Amino acid sequence: MTQPIDIRPLLEQAAAENRLGHKNEAQRLLAQAVQQDPNNSSAWFGLAIVLSDENKKKDCLKRVLALKPDHERARAMLAKLDAPAVVQEAVIPTPPVEPTPAEPAPAIPSAVPKRKQAGASTREMERKRWNTGLIINLAGLVVAILILIVFLTNPKWIPAPVLLVLLVVVLVLPSFISRKVNQKLKESKRAGRGAVAEEKVGELLAELGPDFLVLHDVECAYGNIDHLVIASNGAVFMIETKSHRGKVTVQENVLLVNGRAPEKDFIAQSLRNSFWLRDQIEPYAGKKPWVTAVLVFTNGFVQVRGPVKGVIVTNKKYLLSTIQNAVKRAQALPGVWENKDEIAGLLG
């Protein structure tokens, strides 16, 4: 039996060419992909997005629906181009002719998107806070030098009260600048610890293997989701990583770190992100999927038994077993895994 041709390299190259603005080359690669593997719905859908000719778009979308009748995005796109009845047409189109170089092309939804590294946004935050501290320090130094020049030149036209104010500024400014700089450097250091924690969790999640799709640093309506994991049975996990040290406990559904409430409500944050994620994946699942929210502490001693308001709280040692056990109990949603590349393109 002939093995199906692996066209993933073509899809990756097409996505890369599109990101570089080489639209025509991306179209050529996608046309080659559908010729090599006519049963790949992702390649047909990508080509439908790229093409500007409406008839060719329709042909590609019909082919997608012939291969995957529950492809909602293809169905919706075809409905905009023509009457819904056209979707029912039984004729399977031949691959479209490669577009001419003059044809403009919109962006391609990448079947294999460029993935972010774990902790990327937190590393950027660390850098920005460090730079802000340096800028504040430099600005304070410039102000101090300017005031010193004023005192050394001792211009007669500057009133004595103004000179007195400048003297007070010179005396107060170093302490003020020092506090601000130290604050930014501490915030930068804290962001650095958070980035290290996310990177460690990213390394752990890489051990899950080919039956799992792992995305990092997913932008959402409430900031960033540290990690997203999709299992081959359609189970979805939203993972938030914390680098806090000390004892993690819960009291009356309130999470405590060393007996105190942390700077943010981590449980509420996790729930908001998981609900948002559920709504994004729903079109691909056919219904609202259950998103398991996991809060993992890389340095904390977690003394929490059972979920807190539905959020699993654990440490990195038990993270993989927590995911694997939850996968066994999860209701299968095959549509999620079948559309994982498109989900990754949307969220990655």
Foldseek 3Di string as FASTA:
>chain_A
DDDQDDLLVLLVVLQVCVVVVVLLSSLVSLLVSCVRPVLDLLSLCQNLQWFPDLVLNLLSLLSSCVNPVLQVVSLVVNVVSDPSVSNVDPDRDDRDDRDDPVTGTDRGLRLADDADAFLPVLLVLLVVLLVVLVVLVVVLVVLLVVLVVCVVVVDPVDDPVVNVVSVVCNVCSVVVSVVSSVVSNVVSVQSVLQSVQRNVLRVVVVVLDDQKDKGAFWQDPVGTQGMWIAGQLGAIEGEDEDADEAEWEDDPLAIDGVNHHDPDRVVVVQVVVQVRVQVLQCSQQVHRARYQYEYEYAHYDYDYDDARVRHHYYYSVCVVVVVVVVVVVGHGRNSCNVCVSSSVSVGD
